[in-house]
Amino acid sequence: MTATTDTKTFKPANPYLLECKMEFLKALRTPQFSVPTIAMPLIFYLIFGVMLAGDDGQNRVLYLLATFGMFGAIGPAIFGFGVYVATERHSGWLDLKKISPMPLSVYLIAKLFMASLFGFIVISLLTTVAIFIGGLTISIQAWLSMALIELLCAVPFGLLGMAIGFSVSPQAAPAIVNIVFMAMSVFGGLLMPLNVFPDSLQTLAWGLPTFHAAQLSLSVFNFNSSDNLLLHTLFLLGFTVIMAIIANIAHKKDT
């Protein structure tokens, strides 16, 4: 009698896909992250963008969809990197990742995927509120353009979060990220139109990346002049490079 053994070809899981899946599930199952990340922009938009639309009507609903969408895309990026990196660095989890055979790029791409997916969920929910409660009509092409711009603009804020995460303790990270994010959101025009602020604060907004990100999102619906679109784009590209350099320096100092 000849014994036969069934053999199966072992195919290791794609580390990028697996890490992306695990990173998203980890964030989704962490209510301290997932609940405010999704609920806060949704509640703010429902109140200020839809229920209090007033005489502006559809223009206000559409205008604040663009700015709150940016707010909802940036939030998961800056918090997902800032707080999680600080926590995982302090707990030793990041050190374990570094000495494993897995490339460090897998860790970073998984974080970016998680933030992008959360951002997409928030943008989709805001749009649902705008359409079914605010009565907004928006084309698929315009919506896709807005969503793509907002998710791309979230990248430099993820790098900002990473720089914070590599520089502060896990106890300090949530407070610092909150202060930075909310200050930049308010004074950058993400939560309310800038024309409600004094002229001096409107001028200050030009130095904030959130302002330039909001202007790119608003440009999809022709709420601003197209003359400055190149300036807004170049500002965000420069901010991205600077944040990447700072995050890299903070990472090297931490190792």
C-alpha atoms as a PDB file:
ATOM      1  CA  MET A   1       0.000   0.000   0.000  1.00  0.00           C
ATOM      2  CA  THR A   2       1.315   3.422  -0.944  1.00  0.00           C
ATOM      3  CA  ALA A   3       0.621   6.201   1.447  1.00  0.00           C
ATOM      4  CA  THR A   4      -0.253   9.500  -0.114  1.00  0.00           C
ATOM      5  CA  THR A   5      -0.204  12.847   1.565  1.00  0.00           C
ATOM      6  CA  ASP A   6      -2.321  15.722   0.392  1.00  0.00           C
ATOM      7  CA  THR A   7      -0.259  18.838   0.087  1.00  0.00           C
ATOM      8  CA  LYS A   8      -1.536  22.365  -0.238  1.00  0.00           C
ATOM      9  CA  THR A   9       0.419  25.204  -1.627  1.00  0.00           C
ATOM     10  CA  PHE A  10       0.993  27.757   1.102  1.00  0.00           C
ATOM     11  CA  LYS A  11       0.232  31.261  -0.077  1.00  0.00           C
ATOM     12  CA  PRO A  12       1.117  33.917   2.456  1.00  0.00           C
ATOM     13  CA  ALA A  13      -1.432  36.696   2.786  1.00  0.00           C
ATOM     14  CA  ASN A  14      -0.607  39.974   1.119  1.00  0.00           C
ATOM     15  CA  PRO A  15       0.819  41.978   4.041  1.00  0.00           C
ATOM     16  CA  TYR A  16      -0.563  45.263   2.708  1.00  0.00           C
ATOM     17  CA  LEU A  17      -4.127  43.973   2.341  1.00  0.00           C
ATOM     18  CA  LEU A  18      -4.038  42.148   5.662  1.00  0.00           C
ATOM     19  CA  GLU A  19      -2.611  45.090   7.587  1.00  0.00           C
ATOM     20  CA  CYS A  20      -5.111  47.480   5.989  1.00  0.00           C
ATOM     21  CA  LYS A  21      -7.985  45.219   7.015  1.00  0.00           C
ATOM     22  CA  MET A  22      -6.708  44.820  10.582  1.00  0.00           C
ATOM     23  CA  GLU A  23      -6.023  48.551  10.952  1.00  0.00           C
ATOM     24  CA  PHE A  24      -9.534  49.474   9.863  1.00  0.00           C
ATOM     25  CA  LEU A  25     -11.171  46.862  12.105  1.00  0.00           C
ATOM     26  CA  LYS A  26      -9.059  47.984  15.060  1.00  0.00           C
ATOM     27  CA  ALA A  27     -10.144  51.601  14.575  1.00  0.00           C
ATOM     28  CA  LEU A  28     -13.773  50.632  13.968  1.00  0.00           C
ATOM     29  CA  ARG A  29     -13.824  48.596  17.207  1.00  0.00           C
ATOM     30  CA  THR A  30     -12.331  51.474  19.200  1.00  0.00           C
ATOM     31  CA  PRO A  31     -15.341  53.633  20.129  1.00  0.00           C
ATOM     32  CA  GLN A  32     -13.117  56.452  21.406  1.00  0.00           C
ATOM     33  CA  PHE A  33     -11.978  56.875  17.802  1.00  0.00           C
ATOM     34  CA  SER A  34     -14.789  55.644  15.568  1.00  0.00           C
ATOM     35  CA  VAL A  35     -17.775  57.272  17.305  1.00  0.00           C
ATOM     36  CA  PRO A  36     -16.566  60.904  17.429  1.00  0.00           C
ATOM     37  CA  THR A  37     -14.846  60.582  14.045  1.00  0.00           C
ATOM     38  CA  ILE A  38     -18.150  59.729  12.372  1.00  0.00           C
ATOM     39  CA  ALA A  39     -20.694  61.375  14.650  1.00  0.00           C
ATOM     40  CA  MET A  40     -19.140  64.803  15.245  1.00  0.00           C
ATOM     41  CA  PRO A  41     -19.059  66.096  11.644  1.00  0.00           C
ATOM     42  CA  LEU A  42     -22.454  64.506  11.003  1.00  0.00           C
ATOM     43  CA  ILE A  43     -24.128  66.223  13.965  1.00  0.00           C
ATOM     44  CA  PHE A  44     -22.444  69.570  13.294  1.00  0.00           C
ATOM     45  CA  TYR A  45     -23.475  69.483   9.647  1.00  0.00           C
ATOM     46  CA  LEU A  46     -27.029  68.440  10.429  1.00  0.00           C
ATOM     47  CA  ILE A  47     -27.432  71.397  12.794  1.00  0.00           C
ATOM     48  CA  PHE A  48     -25.460  74.190  11.111  1.00  0.00           C
ATOM     49  CA  GLY A  49     -25.558  73.080   7.498  1.00  0.00           C
ATOM     50  CA  VAL A  50     -29.126  71.790   7.163  1.00  0.00           C
ATOM     51  CA  MET A  51     -31.409  72.706  10.070  1.00  0.00           C
ATOM     52  CA  LEU A  52     -30.108  76.284  10.309  1.00  0.00           C
ATOM     53  CA  ALA A  53     -29.737  76.820   6.570  1.00  0.00           C
ATOM     54  CA  GLY A  54     -32.144  79.763   6.731  1.00  0.00           C
ATOM     55  CA  ASP A  55     -32.607  82.029   3.731  1.00  0.00           C
ATOM     56  CA  ASP A  56     -29.454  80.744   2.024  1.00  0.00           C
ATOM     57  CA  GLY A  57     -31.184  77.400   1.483  1.00  0.00           C
ATOM     58  CA  GLN A  58     -29.468  75.131  -1.006  1.00  0.00           C
ATOM     59  CA  ASN A  59     -26.365  77.309  -1.297  1.00  0.00           C
ATOM     60  CA  ARG A  60     -25.610  76.916   2.405  1.00  0.00           C
ATOM     61  CA  VAL A  61     -26.330  73.175   2.336  1.00  0.00           C
ATOM     62  CA  LEU A  62     -23.941  72.728  -0.603  1.00  0.00           C
ATOM     63  CA  TYR A  63     -21.282  75.143   0.688  1.00  0.00           C
ATOM     64  CA  LEU A  64     -21.076  73.472   4.092  1.00  0.00           C
ATOM     65  CA  LEU A  65     -21.169  70.013   2.535  1.00  0.00           C
ATOM     66  CA  ALA A  66     -17.871  70.891   0.849  1.00  0.00           C
ATOM     67  CA  THR A  67     -16.268  72.314   4.000  1.00  0.00           C
ATOM     68  CA  PHE A  68     -17.665  69.770   6.473  1.00  0.00           C
ATOM     69  CA  GLY A  69     -16.658  67.042   4.047  1.00  0.00           C
ATOM     70  CA  MET A  70     -13.093  68.309   4.283  1.00  0.00           C
ATOM     71  CA  PHE A  71     -13.441  68.425   8.069  1.00  0.00           C
ATOM     72  CA  GLY A  72     -14.653  64.812   8.032  1.00  0.00           C
ATOM     73  CA  ALA A  73     -11.782  63.677   5.788  1.00  0.00           C
ATOM     74  CA  ILE A  74      -9.020  65.417   7.736  1.00  0.00           C
ATOM     75  CA  GLY A  75     -10.176  64.253  11.174  1.00  0.00           C
ATOM     76  CA  PRO A  76      -9.493  60.515  10.765  1.00  0.00           C
ATOM     77  CA  ALA A  77      -6.102  61.279   9.216  1.00  0.00           C
ATOM     78  CA  ILE A  78      -4.733  63.569  11.898  1.00  0.00           C
ATOM     79  CA  PHE A  79      -6.224  61.558  14.785  1.00  0.00           C
ATOM     80  CA  GLY A  80      -5.514  58.166  13.249  1.00  0.00           C
ATOM     81  CA  PHE A  81      -1.835  58.967  12.902  1.00  0.00           C
ATOM     82  CA  GLY A  82      -1.365  61.355  15.822  1.00  0.00           C
ATOM     83  CA  VAL A  83      -3.002  59.399  18.621  1.00  0.00           C
ATOM     84  CA  TYR A  84      -2.366  55.859  17.377  1.00  0.00           C
ATOM     85  CA  VAL A  85       1.319  56.434  16.577  1.00  0.00           C
ATOM     86  CA  ALA A  86       1.911  57.947  20.022  1.00  0.00           C
ATOM     87  CA  THR A  87       0.105  55.061  21.725  1.00  0.00           C
ATOM     88  CA  GLU A  88       1.757  52.309  19.698  1.00  0.00           C
ATOM     89  CA  ARG A  89       5.184  53.890  20.084  1.00  0.00           C
ATOM     90  CA  HIS A  90       4.831  54.039  23.861  1.00  0.00           C
ATOM     91  CA  SER A  91       3.440  50.503  24.193  1.00  0.00           C
ATOM     92  CA  GLY A  92       6.285  48.978  22.169  1.00  0.00           C
ATOM     93  CA  TRP A  93       3.978  47.828  19.374  1.00  0.00           C
ATOM     94  CA  LEU A  94       5.750  50.049  16.854  1.00  0.00           C
ATOM     95  CA  ASP A  95       9.128  48.612  17.872  1.00  0.00           C
ATOM     96  CA  LEU A  96       7.760  45.137  17.280  1.00  0.00           C
ATOM     97  CA  LYS A  97       6.606  46.208  13.828  1.00  0.00           C
ATOM     98  CA  LYS A  98      10.059  47.547  13.025  1.00  0.00           C
ATOM     99  CA  ILE A  99      11.898  44.334  13.845  1.00  0.00           C
ATOM    100  CA  SER A 100       9.378  42.121  12.051  1.00  0.00           C
ATOM    101  CA  PRO A 101       9.961  41.076   8.414  1.00  0.00           C
ATOM    102  CA  MET A 102       7.104  43.344   7.376  1.00  0.00           C
ATOM    103  CA  PRO A 103       8.257  46.571   5.649  1.00  0.00           C
ATOM    104  CA  LEU A 104       7.539  49.741   7.606  1.00  0.00           C
ATOM    105  CA  SER A 105       5.673  51.037   4.557  1.00  0.00           C
ATOM    106  CA  VAL A 106       2.949  48.451   5.275  1.00  0.00           C
ATOM    107  CA  TYR A 107       2.318  50.083   8.653  1.00  0.00           C
ATOM    108  CA  LEU A 108       2.076  53.562   7.145  1.00  0.00           C
ATOM    109  CA  ILE A 109      -0.080  52.574   4.168  1.00  0.00           C
ATOM    110  CA  ALA A 110      -2.483  50.690   6.460  1.00  0.00           C
ATOM    111  CA  LYS A 111      -2.916  53.801   8.605  1.00  0.00           C
ATOM    112  CA  LEU A 112      -3.534  55.889   5.482  1.00  0.00           C
ATOM    113  CA  PHE A 113      -6.044  53.348   4.186  1.00  0.00           C
ATOM    114  CA  MET A 114      -7.896  53.344   7.503  1.00  0.00           C
ATOM    115  CA  ALA A 115      -8.061  57.146   7.578  1.00  0.00           C
ATOM    116  CA  SER A 116      -9.179  57.315   3.937  1.00  0.00           C
ATOM    117  CA  LEU A 117     -11.925  54.744   4.443  1.00  0.00           C
ATOM    118  CA  PHE A 118     -13.238  56.539   7.521  1.00  0.00           C
ATOM    119  CA  GLY A 119     -13.091  59.805   5.597  1.00  0.00           C
ATOM    120  CA  PHE A 120     -15.041  58.278   2.721  1.00  0.00           C
ATOM    121  CA  ILE A 121     -17.681  56.984   5.132  1.00  0.00           C
ATOM    122  CA  VAL A 122     -18.087  60.428   6.710  1.00  0.00           C
ATOM    123  CA  ILE A 123     -18.311  62.188   3.333  1.00  0.00           C
ATOM    124  CA  SER A 124     -20.920  59.658   2.179  1.00  0.00           C
ATOM    125  CA  LEU A 125     -23.016  60.126   5.329  1.00  0.00           C
ATOM    126  CA  LEU A 126     -22.851  63.923   5.056  1.00  0.00           C
ATOM    127  CA  THR A 127     -24.008  63.713   1.459  1.00  0.00           C
ATOM    128  CA  THR A 128     -26.871  61.425   2.460  1.00  0.00           C
ATOM    129  CA  VAL A 129     -28.011  64.007   5.021  1.00  0.00           C
ATOM    130  CA  ALA A 130     -27.674  66.803   2.447  1.00  0.00           C
ATOM    131  CA  ILE A 131     -29.790  64.934  -0.116  1.00  0.00           C
ATOM    132  CA  PHE A 132     -32.509  63.334   1.994  1.00  0.00           C
ATOM    133  CA  ILE A 133     -32.878  65.988   4.711  1.00  0.00           C
ATOM    134  CA  GLY A 134     -31.471  69.112   3.078  1.00  0.00           C
ATOM    135  CA  GLY A 135     -33.097  68.436  -0.291  1.00  0.00           C
ATOM    136  CA  LEU A 136     -29.834  68.905  -2.147  1.00  0.00           C
ATOM    137  CA  THR A 137     -29.356  67.789  -5.736  1.00  0.00           C
ATOM    138  CA  ILE A 138     -25.771  66.932  -6.679  1.00  0.00           C
ATOM    139  CA  SER A 139     -24.322  65.127  -9.684  1.00  0.00           C
ATOM    140  CA  ILE A 140     -22.234  61.986  -9.318  1.00  0.00           C
ATOM    141  CA  GLN A 141     -19.327  63.660 -11.148  1.00  0.00           C
ATOM    142  CA  ALA A 142     -19.292  66.654  -8.800  1.00  0.00           C
ATOM    143  CA  TRP A 143     -19.566  64.437  -5.739  1.00  0.00           C
ATOM    144  CA  LEU A 144     -16.716  62.187  -6.853  1.00  0.00           C
ATOM    145  CA  SER A 145     -14.528  65.218  -7.585  1.00  0.00           C
ATOM    146  CA  MET A 146     -15.253  66.655  -4.139  1.00  0.00           C
ATOM    147  CA  ALA A 147     -14.610  63.336  -2.383  1.00  0.00           C
ATOM    148  CA  LEU A 148     -11.332  62.748  -4.259  1.00  0.00           C
ATOM    149  CA  ILE A 149     -10.041  66.236  -3.470  1.00  0.00           C
ATOM    150  CA  GLU A 150     -10.927  65.883   0.199  1.00  0.00           C
ATOM    151  CA  LEU A 151      -9.314  62.475   0.588  1.00  0.00           C
ATOM    152  CA  LEU A 152      -6.125  63.644  -1.153  1.00  0.00           C
ATOM    153  CA  CYS A 153      -5.998  66.771   1.007  1.00  0.00           C
ATOM    154  CA  ALA A 154      -6.149  64.563   4.116  1.00  0.00           C
ATOM    155  CA  VAL A 155      -2.671  63.149   3.364  1.00  0.00           C
ATOM    156  CA  PRO A 156      -0.621  66.122   4.638  1.00  0.00           C
ATOM    157  CA  PHE A 157      -2.711  66.201   7.810  1.00  0.00           C
ATOM    158  CA  GLY A 158      -1.914  62.546   8.360  1.00  0.00           C
ATOM    159  CA  LEU A 159       1.757  63.505   8.164  1.00  0.00           C
ATOM    160  CA  LEU A 160       1.103  66.311  10.660  1.00  0.00           C
ATOM    161  CA  GLY A 161      -0.494  63.764  12.970  1.00  0.00           C
ATOM    162  CA  MET A 162       2.486  61.458  12.519  1.00  0.00           C
ATOM    163  CA  ALA A 163       4.880  64.254  13.475  1.00  0.00           C
ATOM    164  CA  ILE A 164       2.853  64.849  16.649  1.00  0.00           C
ATOM    165  CA  GLY A 165       2.620  61.128  17.391  1.00  0.00           C
ATOM    166  CA  PHE A 166       6.394  60.690  17.229  1.00  0.00           C
ATOM    167  CA  SER A 167       7.011  63.772  19.380  1.00  0.00           C
ATOM    168  CA  VAL A 168       4.662  63.549  22.371  1.00  0.00           C
ATOM    169  CA  SER A 169       3.446  61.039  24.922  1.00  0.00           C
ATOM    170  CA  PRO A 170       0.219  59.063  24.412  1.00  0.00           C
ATOM    171  CA  GLN A 171      -1.324  60.999  27.298  1.00  0.00           C
ATOM    172  CA  ALA A 172      -0.628  64.353  25.638  1.00  0.00           C
ATOM    173  CA  ALA A 173      -1.333  63.339  22.028  1.00  0.00           C
ATOM    174  CA  PRO A 174      -5.192  63.469  22.101  1.00  0.00           C
ATOM    175  CA  ALA A 175      -5.240  66.940  23.650  1.00  0.00           C
ATOM    176  CA  ILE A 176      -2.592  68.346  21.298  1.00  0.00           C
ATOM    177  CA  VAL A 177      -4.207  66.838  18.211  1.00  0.00           C
ATOM    178  CA  ASN A 178      -7.615  68.163  19.313  1.00  0.00           C
ATOM    179  CA  ILE A 179      -6.324  71.687  19.834  1.00  0.00           C
ATOM    180  CA  VAL A 180      -4.438  71.766  16.532  1.00  0.00           C
ATOM    181  CA  PHE A 181      -7.271  70.200  14.542  1.00  0.00           C
ATOM    182  CA  MET A 182     -10.099  72.329  15.961  1.00  0.00           C
ATOM    183  CA  ALA A 183      -8.125  75.577  15.758  1.00  0.00           C
ATOM    184  CA  MET A 184      -7.181  74.937  12.145  1.00  0.00           C
ATOM    185  CA  SER A 185     -10.743  73.870  11.319  1.00  0.00           C
ATOM    186  CA  VAL A 186     -12.420  76.912  12.854  1.00  0.00           C
ATOM    187  CA  PHE A 187     -10.007  79.560  11.598  1.00  0.00           C
ATOM    188  CA  GLY A 188      -9.502  77.803   8.265  1.00  0.00           C
ATOM    189  CA  GLY A 189     -13.199  78.041   7.432  1.00  0.00           C
ATOM    190  CA  LEU A 190     -14.201  74.383   7.688  1.00  0.00           C
ATOM    191  CA  LEU A 191     -16.956  74.813  10.280  1.00  0.00           C
ATOM    192  CA  MET A 192     -18.367  78.180   9.230  1.00  0.00           C
ATOM    193  CA  PRO A 193     -17.878  80.633   6.357  1.00  0.00           C
ATOM    194  CA  LEU A 194     -14.923  82.933   6.880  1.00  0.00           C
ATOM    195  CA  ASN A 195     -16.984  86.060   6.227  1.00  0.00           C
ATOM    196  CA  VAL A 196     -18.365  85.804   9.776  1.00  0.00           C
ATOM    197  CA  PHE A 197     -14.877  86.584  11.121  1.00  0.00           C
ATOM    198  CA  PRO A 198     -13.135  89.973  11.358  1.00  0.00           C
ATOM    199  CA  ASP A 199     -10.879  90.943   8.438  1.00  0.00           C
ATOM    200  CA  SER A 200      -7.743  90.166  10.464  1.00  0.00           C
ATOM    201  CA  LEU A 201      -8.812  86.541  11.009  1.00  0.00           C
ATOM    202  CA  GLN A 202      -9.805  86.202   7.371  1.00  0.00           C
ATOM    203  CA  THR A 203      -6.278  87.238   6.453  1.00  0.00           C
ATOM    204  CA  LEU A 204      -4.826  84.777   8.978  1.00  0.00           C
ATOM    205  CA  ALA A 205      -6.712  81.956   7.255  1.00  0.00           C
ATOM    206  CA  TRP A 206      -4.421  82.256   4.222  1.00  0.00           C
ATOM    207  CA  GLY A 207      -1.605  80.836   6.343  1.00  0.00           C
ATOM    208  CA  LEU A 208      -3.557  77.722   7.329  1.00  0.00           C
ATOM    209  CA  PRO A 209      -3.560  74.535   5.231  1.00  0.00           C
ATOM    210  CA  THR A 210      -7.200  73.897   6.151  1.00  0.00           C
ATOM    211  CA  PHE A 211      -8.197  77.117   4.367  1.00  0.00           C
ATOM    212  CA  HIS A 212      -6.466  76.104   1.147  1.00  0.00           C
ATOM    213  CA  ALA A 213      -7.922  72.588   1.360  1.00  0.00           C
ATOM    214  CA  ALA A 214     -11.418  74.030   1.832  1.00  0.00           C
ATOM    215  CA  GLN A 215     -10.984  76.329  -1.159  1.00  0.00           C
ATOM    216  CA  LEU A 216     -10.089  73.401  -3.402  1.00  0.00           C
ATOM    217  CA  SER A 217     -13.196  71.538  -2.252  1.00  0.00           C
ATOM    218  CA  LEU A 218     -15.402  74.613  -2.735  1.00  0.00           C
ATOM    219  CA  SER A 219     -14.006  75.140  -6.225  1.00  0.00           C
ATOM    220  CA  VAL A 220     -15.879  72.026  -7.394  1.00  0.00           C
ATOM    221  CA  PHE A 221     -19.120  73.986  -6.907  1.00  0.00           C
ATOM    222  CA  ASN A 222     -17.750  77.366  -8.110  1.00  0.00           C
ATOM    223  CA  PHE A 223     -17.982  79.029  -4.703  1.00  0.00           C
ATOM    224  CA  ASN A 224     -14.677  80.836  -5.188  1.00  0.00           C
ATOM    225  CA  SER A 225     -12.483  82.309  -7.873  1.00  0.00           C
ATOM    226  CA  SER A 226     -10.468  79.923 -10.011  1.00  0.00           C
ATOM    227  CA  ASP A 227      -7.590  82.434 -10.096  1.00  0.00           C
ATOM    228  CA  ASN A 228      -6.089  81.132  -6.843  1.00  0.00           C
ATOM    229  CA  LEU A 229      -6.483  77.382  -7.410  1.00  0.00           C
ATOM    230  CA  LEU A 230      -2.804  76.986  -8.327  1.00  0.00           C
ATOM    231  CA  LEU A 231      -1.803  78.899  -5.182  1.00  0.00           C
ATOM    232  CA  HIS A 232      -3.998  76.669  -3.002  1.00  0.00           C
ATOM    233  CA  THR A 233      -2.544  73.544  -4.612  1.00  0.00           C
ATOM    234  CA  LEU A 234       1.066  74.700  -4.282  1.00  0.00           C
ATOM    235  CA  PHE A 235       0.524  75.673  -0.641  1.00  0.00           C
ATOM    236  CA  LEU A 236      -0.766  72.193   0.194  1.00  0.00           C
ATOM    237  CA  LEU A 237       2.036  70.504  -1.746  1.00  0.00           C
ATOM    238  CA  GLY A 238       4.582  72.585   0.165  1.00  0.00           C
ATOM    239  CA  PHE A 239       2.837  71.793   3.450  1.00  0.00           C
ATOM    240  CA  THR A 240       2.935  68.092   2.572  1.00  0.00           C
ATOM    241  CA  VAL A 241       6.682  68.183   1.936  1.00  0.00           C
ATOM    242  CA  ILE A 242       7.357  70.113   5.144  1.00  0.00           C
ATOM    243  CA  MET A 243       5.226  67.745   7.231  1.00  0.00           C
ATOM    244  CA  ALA A 244       6.936  64.712   5.666  1.00  0.00           C
ATOM    245  CA  ILE A 245      10.343  66.130   6.590  1.00  0.00           C
ATOM    246  CA  ILE A 246       9.264  66.976  10.146  1.00  0.00           C
ATOM    247  CA  ALA A 247       7.645  63.559  10.630  1.00  0.00           C
ATOM    248  CA  ASN A 248      10.800  61.858   9.369  1.00  0.00           C
ATOM    249  CA  ILE A 249      12.990  63.899  11.726  1.00  0.00           C
ATOM    250  CA  ALA A 250      10.681  63.131  14.661  1.00  0.00           C
ATOM    251  CA  HIS A 251      10.761  59.448  13.770  1.00  0.00           C
ATOM    252  CA  LYS A 252      14.565  59.354  13.615  1.00  0.00           C
ATOM    253  CA  LYS A 253      14.862  61.133  16.957  1.00  0.00           C
ATOM    254  CA  ASP A 254      12.529  58.570  18.488  1.00  0.00           C
ATOM    255  CA  THR A 255      14.613  55.584  17.296  1.00  0.00           C
END
